[in-house]
């Protein structure tokens, strides 16, 4: 069964970034609380017609009538599913809006320490292209350079942390 905007609107209500069941005939034991289970990856997931789906993708389809390949959370918060926080993006745009990884040791996105040079290095990627932004005395200065280039390359999709 293909899940459409009409099917969603027939069975669900959207209120302030959450989905609620409106038709209990398909889910007689459903609670009247917001739908979704928080997954280890930070996204809310739900089950609809025996299909597991991310809540943010269902909300996007509910509002726009189509489901893009990628739905981005503008503010980077995976559980903030307000429709104003969701946008249709391509893979590269989605990757631009990624926070620093948990393996980051400098405390700044795009900045790492080079032991041989004894300096902080700034670098960034955009559309599979790698940009070396230089080596700096402090992590803060390297981060400032990274942020300027991220703003230039990524624009509205730039994520600084």
C-alpha atoms as a PDB file:
ATOM      1  CA  UNK A   1       0.000   0.000   0.000  1.00  0.00           C
ATOM      2  CA  UNK A   2       1.369   3.397  -0.988  1.00  0.00           C
ATOM      3  CA  UNK A   3       1.016   5.931   1.801  1.00  0.00           C
ATOM      4  CA  UNK A   4      -0.351   9.203   0.447  1.00  0.00           C
ATOM      5  CA  UNK A   5      -1.151  12.613   1.880  1.00  0.00           C
ATOM      6  CA  UNK A   6      -4.870  11.745   1.796  1.00  0.00           C
ATOM      7  CA  UNK A   7      -4.347   8.537   3.775  1.00  0.00           C
ATOM      8  CA  UNK A   8      -2.292  10.426   6.351  1.00  0.00           C
ATOM      9  CA  UNK A   9      -4.895  13.171   6.726  1.00  0.00           C
ATOM     10  CA  UNK A  10      -7.644  10.549   7.064  1.00  0.00           C
ATOM     11  CA  UNK A  11      -5.887   8.824   9.976  1.00  0.00           C
ATOM     12  CA  UNK A  12      -3.638  11.400  11.646  1.00  0.00           C
ATOM     13  CA  UNK A  13      -3.647  14.918  13.040  1.00  0.00           C
ATOM     14  CA  UNK A  14      -0.610  17.182  13.102  1.00  0.00           C
ATOM     15  CA  UNK A  15      -0.278  19.518  16.083  1.00  0.00           C
ATOM     16  CA  UNK A  16       2.874  21.525  16.899  1.00  0.00           C
ATOM     17  CA  UNK A  17       5.433  19.126  15.429  1.00  0.00           C
ATOM     18  CA  UNK A  18       3.688  15.951  16.591  1.00  0.00           C
ATOM     19  CA  UNK A  19       1.348  13.423  15.020  1.00  0.00           C
ATOM     20  CA  UNK A  20      -1.710  11.996  16.780  1.00  0.00           C
ATOM     21  CA  UNK A  21      -4.121   9.270  15.725  1.00  0.00           C
ATOM     22  CA  UNK A  22      -7.492  10.628  14.642  1.00  0.00           C
ATOM     23  CA  UNK A  23      -8.899   7.344  13.300  1.00  0.00           C
ATOM     24  CA  UNK A  24      -8.741   4.635  15.947  1.00  0.00           C
ATOM     25  CA  UNK A  25     -10.362   2.016  13.691  1.00  0.00           C
ATOM     26  CA  UNK A  26      -6.925   1.009  12.373  1.00  0.00           C
ATOM     27  CA  UNK A  27      -5.250   1.316  15.789  1.00  0.00           C
ATOM     28  CA  UNK A  28      -7.959   0.596  18.405  1.00  0.00           C
ATOM     29  CA  UNK A  29      -5.406   0.287  21.222  1.00  0.00           C
ATOM     30  CA  UNK A  30      -3.488   3.426  20.242  1.00  0.00           C
ATOM     31  CA  UNK A  31      -2.858   5.996  22.928  1.00  0.00           C
ATOM     32  CA  UNK A  32      -4.010   9.572  22.575  1.00  0.00           C
ATOM     33  CA  UNK A  33      -0.438  10.802  23.043  1.00  0.00           C
ATOM     34  CA  UNK A  34       2.023  11.906  20.358  1.00  0.00           C
ATOM     35  CA  UNK A  35       3.044   9.128  17.981  1.00  0.00           C
ATOM     36  CA  UNK A  36       6.657   8.010  17.777  1.00  0.00           C
ATOM     37  CA  UNK A  37       9.395   6.165  19.586  1.00  0.00           C
ATOM     38  CA  UNK A  38      12.776   7.802  20.069  1.00  0.00           C
ATOM     39  CA  UNK A  39      15.407   5.734  18.290  1.00  0.00           C
ATOM     40  CA  UNK A  40      19.119   5.525  19.259  1.00  0.00           C
ATOM     41  CA  UNK A  41      19.969   7.691  16.217  1.00  0.00           C
ATOM     42  CA  UNK A  42      17.884  10.547  17.680  1.00  0.00           C
ATOM     43  CA  UNK A  43      14.959  10.351  15.241  1.00  0.00           C
ATOM     44  CA  UNK A  44      11.356   9.526  16.142  1.00  0.00           C
ATOM     45  CA  UNK A  45       9.996   6.454  14.378  1.00  0.00           C
ATOM     46  CA  UNK A  46       6.432   5.209  13.958  1.00  0.00           C
ATOM     47  CA  UNK A  47       4.649   2.246  12.443  1.00  0.00           C
ATOM     48  CA  UNK A  48       1.979   2.942   9.842  1.00  0.00           C
ATOM     49  CA  UNK A  49       0.257   0.119   7.937  1.00  0.00           C
ATOM     50  CA  UNK A  50       2.991  -2.335   9.006  1.00  0.00           C
ATOM     51  CA  UNK A  51       5.690  -0.016   7.694  1.00  0.00           C
ATOM     52  CA  UNK A  52       8.278   1.657   9.933  1.00  0.00           C
ATOM     53  CA  UNK A  53       8.722   5.333   9.037  1.00  0.00           C
ATOM     54  CA  UNK A  54      10.480   8.316  10.514  1.00  0.00           C
ATOM     55  CA  UNK A  55       7.982  10.816  11.930  1.00  0.00           C
ATOM     56  CA  UNK A  56       9.669  13.805  10.253  1.00  0.00           C
ATOM     57  CA  UNK A  57       9.219  12.186   6.834  1.00  0.00           C
ATOM     58  CA  UNK A  58       5.544  11.445   7.544  1.00  0.00           C
ATOM     59  CA  UNK A  59       5.015  15.066   8.654  1.00  0.00           C
ATOM     60  CA  UNK A  60       6.653  16.343   5.466  1.00  0.00           C
ATOM     61  CA  UNK A  61       4.398  14.137   3.309  1.00  0.00           C
ATOM     62  CA  UNK A  62       1.360  15.149   5.397  1.00  0.00           C
ATOM     63  CA  UNK A  63       1.991  18.837   4.645  1.00  0.00           C
ATOM     64  CA  UNK A  64       3.497  18.846   1.153  1.00  0.00           C
ATOM     65  CA  UNK A  65       1.904  15.848  -0.544  1.00  0.00           C
ATOM     66  CA  UNK A  66       5.201  14.331  -1.695  1.00  0.00           C
ATOM     67  CA  UNK A  67       8.146  12.638  -0.064  1.00  0.00           C
ATOM     68  CA  UNK A  68      11.626  13.801  -1.107  1.00  0.00           C
ATOM     69  CA  UNK A  69      14.677  11.576  -0.938  1.00  0.00           C
ATOM     70  CA  UNK A  70      16.075  13.657   1.951  1.00  0.00           C
ATOM     71  CA  UNK A  71      14.272  15.714   4.602  1.00  0.00           C
ATOM     72  CA  UNK A  72      16.555  18.010   6.584  1.00  0.00           C
ATOM     73  CA  UNK A  73      16.021  19.385  10.087  1.00  0.00           C
ATOM     74  CA  UNK A  74      17.027  23.036   9.631  1.00  0.00           C
ATOM     75  CA  UNK A  75      18.072  23.523  13.271  1.00  0.00           C
ATOM     76  CA  UNK A  76      19.859  20.151  13.408  1.00  0.00           C
ATOM     77  CA  UNK A  77      17.604  18.793  16.170  1.00  0.00           C
ATOM     78  CA  UNK A  78      16.443  15.386  14.975  1.00  0.00           C
ATOM     79  CA  UNK A  79      13.389  15.305  17.234  1.00  0.00           C
ATOM     80  CA  UNK A  80      12.157  18.826  16.338  1.00  0.00           C
ATOM     81  CA  UNK A  81       9.545  17.956  13.755  1.00  0.00           C
ATOM     82  CA  UNK A  82       7.802  21.318  13.417  1.00  0.00           C
ATOM     83  CA  UNK A  83       6.954  21.664   9.735  1.00  0.00           C
ATOM     84  CA  UNK A  84       8.816  25.005   9.661  1.00  0.00           C
ATOM     85  CA  UNK A  85      11.977  23.096  10.658  1.00  0.00           C
ATOM     86  CA  UNK A  86      11.766  20.558   7.813  1.00  0.00           C
ATOM     87  CA  UNK A  87      12.957  21.089   4.248  1.00  0.00           C
ATOM     88  CA  UNK A  88      13.461  19.138   1.044  1.00  0.00           C
ATOM     89  CA  UNK A  89      17.199  18.858   0.315  1.00  0.00           C
ATOM     90  CA  UNK A  90      19.574  16.858  -1.825  1.00  0.00           C
ATOM     91  CA  UNK A  91      22.269  14.598  -0.365  1.00  0.00           C
ATOM     92  CA  UNK A  92      24.988  17.259  -0.461  1.00  0.00           C
ATOM     93  CA  UNK A  93      22.800  19.892   1.212  1.00  0.00           C
ATOM     94  CA  UNK A  94      21.859  17.378   3.883  1.00  0.00           C
ATOM     95  CA  UNK A  95      25.542  16.629   4.576  1.00  0.00           C
ATOM     96  CA  UNK A  96      26.352  20.349   4.888  1.00  0.00           C
ATOM     97  CA  UNK A  97      23.976  20.626   7.847  1.00  0.00           C
ATOM     98  CA  UNK A  98      25.755  17.950   9.925  1.00  0.00           C
ATOM     99  CA  UNK A  99      27.048  18.732  13.421  1.00  0.00           C
ATOM    100  CA  UNK A 100      30.602  17.973  14.504  1.00  0.00           C
ATOM    101  CA  UNK A 101      31.158  14.294  15.162  1.00  0.00           C
ATOM    102  CA  UNK A 102      31.559  12.688  18.562  1.00  0.00           C
ATOM    103  CA  UNK A 103      35.182  11.878  17.616  1.00  0.00           C
ATOM    104  CA  UNK A 104      36.025  15.585  17.335  1.00  0.00           C
ATOM    105  CA  UNK A 105      38.849  16.379  19.774  1.00  0.00           C
ATOM    106  CA  UNK A 106      39.332  20.084  19.086  1.00  0.00           C
ATOM    107  CA  UNK A 107      35.869  21.108  20.209  1.00  0.00           C
ATOM    108  CA  UNK A 108      35.348  22.930  16.896  1.00  0.00           C
ATOM    109  CA  UNK A 109      33.812  21.589  13.708  1.00  0.00           C
ATOM    110  CA  UNK A 110      36.301  21.533  10.814  1.00  0.00           C
ATOM    111  CA  UNK A 111      39.330  21.919  13.087  1.00  0.00           C
ATOM    112  CA  UNK A 112      41.970  19.342  14.042  1.00  0.00           C
ATOM    113  CA  UNK A 113      45.446  19.440  15.554  1.00  0.00           C
ATOM    114  CA  UNK A 114      48.435  18.523  13.377  1.00  0.00           C
ATOM    115  CA  UNK A 115      51.160  17.145  15.662  1.00  0.00           C
ATOM    116  CA  UNK A 116      53.956  17.467  13.072  1.00  0.00           C
ATOM    117  CA  UNK A 117      53.245  21.142  12.395  1.00  0.00           C
ATOM    118  CA  UNK A 118      52.164  21.792  15.997  1.00  0.00           C
ATOM    119  CA  UNK A 119      49.283  23.863  14.625  1.00  0.00           C
ATOM    120  CA  UNK A 120      45.520  23.757  14.299  1.00  0.00           C
ATOM    121  CA  UNK A 121      44.312  22.897  10.799  1.00  0.00           C
ATOM    122  CA  UNK A 122      41.014  24.046   9.279  1.00  0.00           C
ATOM    123  CA  UNK A 123      39.380  22.113   6.445  1.00  0.00           C
ATOM    124  CA  UNK A 124      35.966  21.650   4.882  1.00  0.00           C
ATOM    125  CA  UNK A 125      34.177  19.594   2.225  1.00  0.00           C
ATOM    126  CA  UNK A 126      31.573  20.725  -0.261  1.00  0.00           C
ATOM    127  CA  UNK A 127      30.050  18.552  -3.003  1.00  0.00           C
ATOM    128  CA  UNK A 128      32.812  15.911  -2.685  1.00  0.00           C
ATOM    129  CA  UNK A 129      35.542  18.572  -2.944  1.00  0.00           C
ATOM    130  CA  UNK A 130      37.982  18.966  -0.044  1.00  0.00           C
ATOM    131  CA  UNK A 131      39.241  22.451   0.895  1.00  0.00           C
ATOM    132  CA  UNK A 132      42.375  22.873   3.010  1.00  0.00           C
ATOM    133  CA  UNK A 133      42.007  26.236   4.759  1.00  0.00           C
ATOM    134  CA  UNK A 134      45.417  26.505   6.409  1.00  0.00           C
ATOM    135  CA  UNK A 135      47.227  25.931   9.703  1.00  0.00           C
ATOM    136  CA  UNK A 136      46.847  28.297  12.654  1.00  0.00           C
ATOM    137  CA  UNK A 137      48.332  28.941  16.083  1.00  0.00           C
ATOM    138  CA  UNK A 138      45.004  28.539  17.899  1.00  0.00           C
ATOM    139  CA  UNK A 139      41.949  26.345  17.445  1.00  0.00           C
ATOM    140  CA  UNK A 140      39.770  29.427  17.764  1.00  0.00           C
ATOM    141  CA  UNK A 141      41.446  31.133  14.803  1.00  0.00           C
ATOM    142  CA  UNK A 142      41.207  27.973  12.684  1.00  0.00           C
ATOM    143  CA  UNK A 143      37.522  27.729  13.583  1.00  0.00           C
ATOM    144  CA  UNK A 144      36.921  31.344  12.585  1.00  0.00           C
ATOM    145  CA  UNK A 145      38.400  30.599   9.142  1.00  0.00           C
ATOM    146  CA  UNK A 146      36.316  27.401   8.907  1.00  0.00           C
ATOM    147  CA  UNK A 147      33.100  29.301   9.736  1.00  0.00           C
ATOM    148  CA  UNK A 148      33.764  31.950   7.098  1.00  0.00           C
ATOM    149  CA  UNK A 149      34.343  29.288   4.422  1.00  0.00           C
ATOM    150  CA  UNK A 150      31.332  27.232   5.595  1.00  0.00           C
ATOM    151  CA  UNK A 151      29.164  30.315   5.279  1.00  0.00           C
ATOM    152  CA  UNK A 152      30.537  30.962   1.777  1.00  0.00           C
ATOM    153  CA  UNK A 153      30.229  27.360   0.522  1.00  0.00           C
ATOM    154  CA  UNK A 154      27.180  26.095   2.411  1.00  0.00           C
ATOM    155  CA  UNK A 155      25.121  29.279   2.797  1.00  0.00           C
ATOM    156  CA  UNK A 156      21.790  28.563   4.468  1.00  0.00           C
ATOM    157  CA  UNK A 157      22.851  24.929   5.010  1.00  0.00           C
ATOM    158  CA  UNK A 158      25.969  25.795   7.020  1.00  0.00           C
ATOM    159  CA  UNK A 159      26.169  24.168  10.435  1.00  0.00           C
ATOM    160  CA  UNK A 160      28.874  25.548  12.688  1.00  0.00           C
ATOM    161  CA  UNK A 161      28.860  23.022  15.422  1.00  0.00           C
END
